[in-house]
C-alpha atoms as a PDB file:
ATOM      1  CA  MET A   1      18.379  -3.743 -15.763  1.00  0.00           C
ATOM      2  CA  PRO A   2      15.709  -6.168 -16.924  1.00  0.00           C
ATOM      3  CA  VAL A   3      12.669  -6.851 -14.770  1.00  0.00           C
ATOM      4  CA  THR A   4      12.789 -10.434 -13.684  1.00  0.00           C
ATOM      5  CA  ALA A   5       9.952 -12.643 -12.543  1.00  0.00           C
ATOM      6  CA  LEU A   6      11.482 -12.648  -9.068  1.00  0.00           C
ATOM      7  CA  ALA A   7      11.405  -8.829  -8.879  1.00  0.00           C
ATOM      8  CA  VAL A   8       7.760  -8.750  -9.997  1.00  0.00           C
ATOM      9  CA  ARG A   9       6.890 -11.450  -7.471  1.00  0.00           C
ATOM     10  CA  ARG A  10       8.661  -9.588  -4.643  1.00  0.00           C
ATOM     11  CA  SER A  11       6.822  -6.348  -5.396  1.00  0.00           C
ATOM     12  CA  ALA A  12       3.486  -8.215  -5.503  1.00  0.00           C
ATOM     13  CA  VAL A  13       4.212  -9.775  -2.110  1.00  0.00           C
ATOM     14  CA  ALA A  14       5.174  -6.379  -0.686  1.00  0.00           C
ATOM     15  CA  ALA A  15       1.993  -4.776  -2.048  1.00  0.00           C
ATOM     16  CA  ARG A  16      -0.141  -7.605  -0.644  1.00  0.00           C
ATOM     17  CA  HIS A  17       1.318  -7.145   2.848  1.00  0.00           C
ATOM     18  CA  LEU A  18       1.205  -3.332   2.874  1.00  0.00           C
ATOM     19  CA  PRO A  19      -2.298  -3.019   4.444  1.00  0.00           C
ATOM     20  CA  HIS A  20      -1.335  -5.448   7.204  1.00  0.00           C
ATOM     21  CA  LEU A  21       1.863  -3.577   7.893  1.00  0.00           C
ATOM     22  CA  ALA A  22      -0.092  -0.298   7.990  1.00  0.00           C
ATOM     23  CA  PHE A  23      -2.552  -1.790  10.485  1.00  0.00           C
ATOM     24  CA  LEU A  24       0.173  -3.033  12.788  1.00  0.00           C
ATOM     25  CA  VAL A  25       2.174   0.205  12.549  1.00  0.00           C
ATOM     26  CA  ALA A  26      -0.959   2.240  13.359  1.00  0.00           C
ATOM     27  CA  ALA A  27      -1.877  -0.021  16.283  1.00  0.00           C
ATOM     28  CA  VAL A  28       1.653  -0.006  17.712  1.00  0.00           C
ATOM     29  CA  GLY A  29       1.910   3.745  17.148  1.00  0.00           C
ATOM     30  CA  THR A  30      -1.345   4.193  19.031  1.00  0.00           C
ATOM     31  CA  LEU A  31      -0.007   2.130  21.910  1.00  0.00           C
ATOM     32  CA  VAL A  32       3.224   4.125  22.065  1.00  0.00           C
ATOM     33  CA  ARG A  33       1.273   7.393  22.050  1.00  0.00           C
ATOM     34  CA  LEU A  34      -1.086   6.127  24.755  1.00  0.00           C
ATOM     35  CA  PHE A  35       1.836   5.180  26.993  1.00  0.00           C
ATOM     36  CA  GLU A  36       3.445   8.587  26.411  1.00  0.00           C
ATOM     37  CA  LEU A  37       0.270  10.370  27.531  1.00  0.00           C
ATOM     38  CA  ASN A  38       0.115   8.316  30.745  1.00  0.00           C
ATOM     39  CA  HIS A  39      -3.507   9.231  31.458  1.00  0.00           C
ATOM     40  CA  GLU A  40      -6.156   7.047  33.109  1.00  0.00           C
ATOM     41  CA  LEU A  41      -8.059   6.769  29.827  1.00  0.00           C
ATOM     42  CA  CYS A  42      -4.898   5.536  28.102  1.00  0.00           C
ATOM     43  CA  TRP A  43      -4.610   2.596  30.462  1.00  0.00           C
ATOM     44  CA  ARG A  44      -8.224   1.690  29.735  1.00  0.00           C
ATOM     45  CA  ILE A  45      -7.721   1.790  25.948  1.00  0.00           C
ATOM     46  CA  ALA A  46      -4.251   0.242  25.694  1.00  0.00           C
ATOM     47  CA  PRO A  47      -5.120  -3.391  26.627  1.00  0.00           C
ATOM     48  CA  PRO A  48      -7.880  -3.861  24.020  1.00  0.00           C
ATOM     49  CA  THR A  49      -5.733  -2.085  21.403  1.00  0.00           C
ATOM     50  CA  ALA A  50      -2.834  -4.427  22.175  1.00  0.00           C
ATOM     51  CA  ALA A  51      -5.208  -7.407  22.037  1.00  0.00           C
ATOM     52  CA  LEU A  52      -6.456  -6.215  18.644  1.00  0.00           C
ATOM     53  CA  ALA A  53      -2.907  -5.967  17.272  1.00  0.00           C
ATOM     54  CA  LEU A  54      -1.923  -9.362  18.702  1.00  0.00           C
ATOM     55  CA  LEU A  55      -5.061 -11.083  17.387  1.00  0.00           C
ATOM     56  CA  TYR A  56      -4.487  -9.510  13.973  1.00  0.00           C
ATOM     57  CA  ALA A  57      -0.839 -10.619  13.861  1.00  0.00           C
ATOM     58  CA  ALA A  58      -1.658 -14.121  15.147  1.00  0.00           C
ATOM     59  CA  GLY A  59      -4.308 -14.595  12.468  1.00  0.00           C
ATOM     60  CA  LEU A  60      -1.937 -13.466   9.744  1.00  0.00           C
ATOM     61  CA  ALA A  61       0.761 -15.808  11.015  1.00  0.00           C
ATOM     62  CA  GLN A  62      -1.689 -18.724  10.932  1.00  0.00           C
ATOM     63  CA  TRP A  63      -3.481 -17.671   7.720  1.00  0.00           C
ATOM     64  CA  ASP A  64      -2.599 -20.808   5.762  1.00  0.00           C
ATOM     65  CA  ARG A  65      -3.729 -23.049   8.625  1.00  0.00           C
ATOM     66  CA  LEU A  66      -7.055 -21.300   9.126  1.00  0.00           C
ATOM     67  CA  GLY A  67      -9.911 -23.114   7.424  1.00  0.00           C
ATOM     68  CA  SER A  68     -12.762 -21.622   5.439  1.00  0.00           C
ATOM     69  CA  TRP A  69     -14.852 -21.191   8.604  1.00  0.00           C
ATOM     70  CA  ALA A  70     -11.995 -19.970  10.822  1.00  0.00           C
ATOM     71  CA  ARG A  71     -11.026 -16.971   8.671  1.00  0.00           C
ATOM     72  CA  PRO A  72     -14.474 -15.312   8.860  1.00  0.00           C
ATOM     73  CA  ALA A  73     -14.645 -16.148  12.588  1.00  0.00           C
ATOM     74  CA  TRP A  74     -11.229 -14.532  13.099  1.00  0.00           C
ATOM     75  CA  LEU A  75     -12.314 -11.434  11.165  1.00  0.00           C
ATOM     76  CA  GLY A  76     -15.526 -11.332  13.207  1.00  0.00           C
ATOM     77  CA  LEU A  77     -13.475 -11.280  16.414  1.00  0.00           C
ATOM     78  CA  LEU A  78     -11.312  -8.488  15.005  1.00  0.00           C
ATOM     79  CA  LEU A  79     -14.390  -6.457  14.053  1.00  0.00           C
ATOM     80  CA  LEU A  80     -15.941  -6.985  17.469  1.00  0.00           C
ATOM     81  CA  LEU A  81     -12.784  -5.893  19.262  1.00  0.00           C
ATOM     82  CA  TRP A  82     -12.225  -2.943  16.905  1.00  0.00           C
ATOM     83  CA  SER A  83     -15.802  -1.700  17.350  1.00  0.00           C
ATOM     84  CA  TRP A  84     -15.597  -2.084  21.136  1.00  0.00           C
ATOM     85  CA  VAL A  85     -12.445   0.033  21.275  1.00  0.00           C
ATOM     86  CA  ALA A  86     -13.807   2.604  18.787  1.00  0.00           C
ATOM     87  CA  TRP A  87     -17.038   2.873  20.775  1.00  0.00           C
ATOM     88  CA  SER A  88     -15.294   3.247  24.138  1.00  0.00           C
ATOM     89  CA  LEU A  89     -13.016   6.055  22.958  1.00  0.00           C
ATOM     90  CA  PRO A  90     -13.860   9.679  23.598  1.00  0.00           C
ATOM     91  CA  ALA A  91     -15.540  11.187  20.547  1.00  0.00           C
ATOM     92  CA  ARG A  92     -12.550  13.266  19.469  1.00  0.00           C
ATOM     93  CA  LEU A  93     -10.282  10.193  19.346  1.00  0.00           C
ATOM     94  CA  THR A  94     -12.686   8.040  17.311  1.00  0.00           C
ATOM     95  CA  PHE A  95     -11.823   9.740  14.025  1.00  0.00           C
ATOM     96  CA  GLY A  96      -8.149   8.813  14.381  1.00  0.00           C
ATOM     97  CA  TYR A  97      -8.964   5.246  15.355  1.00  0.00           C
ATOM     98  CA  ALA A  98     -11.339   4.845  12.392  1.00  0.00           C
ATOM     99  CA  TRP A  99      -8.351   4.530  10.046  1.00  0.00           C
ATOM    100  CA  LEU A 100      -7.809   0.994  11.323  1.00  0.00           C
ATOM    101  CA  ALA A 101     -10.970   0.046   9.431  1.00  0.00           C
ATOM    102  CA  VAL A 102      -9.164   0.337   6.074  1.00  0.00           C
ATOM    103  CA  PRO A 103      -6.852  -2.691   6.548  1.00  0.00           C
ATOM    104  CA  LEU A 104      -9.797  -4.580   8.051  1.00  0.00           C
ATOM    105  CA  ALA A 105     -11.734  -3.904   4.843  1.00  0.00           C
ATOM    106  CA  VAL A 106      -8.807  -5.229   2.789  1.00  0.00           C
ATOM    107  CA  LEU A 107      -8.801  -8.300   5.002  1.00  0.00           C
ATOM    108  CA  ALA A 108     -12.556  -8.685   4.481  1.00  0.00           C
ATOM    109  CA  LEU A 109     -11.956  -8.816   0.736  1.00  0.00           C
ATOM    110  CA  ARG A 110      -9.733 -11.879   1.269  1.00  0.00           C
ATOM    111  CA  MET A 111     -12.508 -13.939   2.862  1.00  0.00           C
ATOM    112  CA  PRO A 112     -13.100 -17.294   1.163  1.00  0.00           C
ATOM    113  CA  THR A 113     -16.698 -16.838  -0.055  1.00  0.00           C
ATOM    114  CA  ARG A 114     -18.707 -14.035  -1.558  1.00  0.00           C
ATOM    115  CA  THR A 115     -21.198 -14.267   1.316  1.00  0.00           C
ATOM    116  CA  ALA A 116     -18.428 -13.913   3.911  1.00  0.00           C
ATOM    117  CA  ARG A 117     -16.950 -10.935   2.042  1.00  0.00           C
ATOM    118  CA  THR A 118     -20.315  -9.220   1.732  1.00  0.00           C
ATOM    119  CA  MET A 119     -21.232  -9.788   5.366  1.00  0.00           C
ATOM    120  CA  ALA A 120     -17.810  -8.650   6.608  1.00  0.00           C
ATOM    121  CA  LEU A 121     -17.805  -5.458   4.512  1.00  0.00           C
ATOM    122  CA  GLY A 122     -21.419  -4.678   5.409  1.00  0.00           C
ATOM    123  CA  THR A 123     -20.727  -5.171   9.108  1.00  0.00           C
ATOM    124  CA  LEU A 124     -17.544  -3.111   8.965  1.00  0.00           C
ATOM    125  CA  THR A 125     -19.314  -0.301   7.116  1.00  0.00           C
ATOM    126  CA  ALA A 126     -22.217  -0.255   9.590  1.00  0.00           C
ATOM    127  CA  LEU A 127     -19.851  -0.249  12.578  1.00  0.00           C
ATOM    128  CA  LEU A 128     -17.722   2.500  11.070  1.00  0.00           C
ATOM    129  CA  VAL A 129     -20.708   4.703  10.220  1.00  0.00           C
ATOM    130  CA  ALA A 130     -22.181   4.195  13.710  1.00  0.00           C
ATOM    131  CA  ALA A 131     -18.876   5.083  15.405  1.00  0.00           C
ATOM    132  CA  LEU A 132     -18.369   8.170  13.237  1.00  0.00           C
ATOM    133  CA  LEU A 133     -21.945   9.359  13.732  1.00  0.00           C
ATOM    134  CA  ARG A 134     -21.553   8.950  17.479  1.00  0.00           C
ATOM    135  CA  ALA A 135     -18.243  10.834  17.410  1.00  0.00           C
ATOM    136  CA  GLY A 136     -19.653  13.588  15.211  1.00  0.00           C
ATOM    137  CA  GLY A 137     -22.671  14.190  17.414  1.00  0.00           C
ATOM    138  CA  GLY A 138     -25.245  12.466  15.243  1.00  0.00           C
ATOM    139  CA  PHE A 139     -26.569  12.708  11.715  1.00  0.00           C
ATOM    140  CA  ASP A 140     -27.072  16.133  10.165  1.00  0.00           C
ATOM    141  CA  PRO A 141     -29.555  15.985   7.252  1.00  0.00           C
ATOM    142  CA  ASP A 142     -28.340  19.393   6.029  1.00  0.00           C
ATOM    143  CA  VAL A 143     -25.191  17.679   4.810  1.00  0.00           C
ATOM    144  CA  LEU A 144     -27.246  15.767   2.223  1.00  0.00           C
ATOM    145  CA  ALA A 145     -29.941  18.331   1.435  1.00  0.00           C
ATOM    146  CA  PRO A 146     -29.437  21.913   2.626  1.00  0.00           C
ATOM    147  CA  ARG A 147     -32.671  23.619   3.672  1.00  0.00           C
ATOM    148  CA  ARG A 148     -32.021  26.996   2.085  1.00  0.00           C
ATOM    149  CA  SER A 149     -29.691  28.448  -0.479  1.00  0.00           C
ATOM    150  CA  PRO A 150     -26.755  30.653   0.502  1.00  0.00           C
ATOM    151  CA  PRO A 151     -27.342  34.433   0.569  1.00  0.00           C
ATOM    152  CA  CYS A 152     -25.460  35.036  -2.677  1.00  0.00           C
ATOM    153  CA  GLY A 153     -27.770  32.770  -4.700  1.00  0.00           C
ATOM    154  CA  ARG A 154     -24.927  30.610  -6.011  1.00  0.00           C
ATOM    155  CA  PRO A 155     -24.413  27.012  -4.862  1.00  0.00           C
ATOM    156  CA  TYR A 156     -21.181  27.911  -3.025  1.00  0.00           C
ATOM    157  CA  CYS A 157     -20.218  31.329  -1.825  1.00  0.00           C
ATOM    158  CA  SER A 158     -18.370  32.966   0.992  1.00  0.00           C
ATOM    159  CA  THR A 159     -20.285  34.777   3.702  1.00  0.00           C
ATOM    160  CA  THR A 160     -18.278  37.958   3.146  1.00  0.00           C
ATOM    161  CA  PRO A 161     -19.374  40.209   0.288  1.00  0.00           C
ATOM    162  CA  SER A 162     -17.051  40.372  -2.684  1.00  0.00           C
ATOM    163  CA  SER A 163     -15.606  43.603  -3.989  1.00  0.00           C
ATOM    164  CA  ASP A 164     -16.416  42.955  -7.666  1.00  0.00           C
END
């Protein structure tokens, strides 16, 4: 079966929409899980998560109508709402919610100017790092430069002695 231009075009369209679909599936899945838990915290997180998904979908639906200034403003609102929700979550839930940053980064790459792309990606990166550091209990410099070598003298070794 020969590959037609229509088949190539359809697969390109599907690939282009995959990050957006992943974002919406993750947001809706989060909402379903929150409603299943039926905890007080869930009812505090669900409205901003729903607002994030609705704002995301509304912006995508109006993408062609949004001007060169409206797209970065829309992404800025998404980043603000995403960071507010990520910051208000308990620390152990932040890591799961951080995955929503990936489609936002893809969206940032579609901004109309290089300046808008750079600012959006820089802001998203800073917000993500801040949320993850907060969730992880702060920055540990030993991750970058360990203070002492392991007892075996090799770069990586187990703490139990080997039998060789």
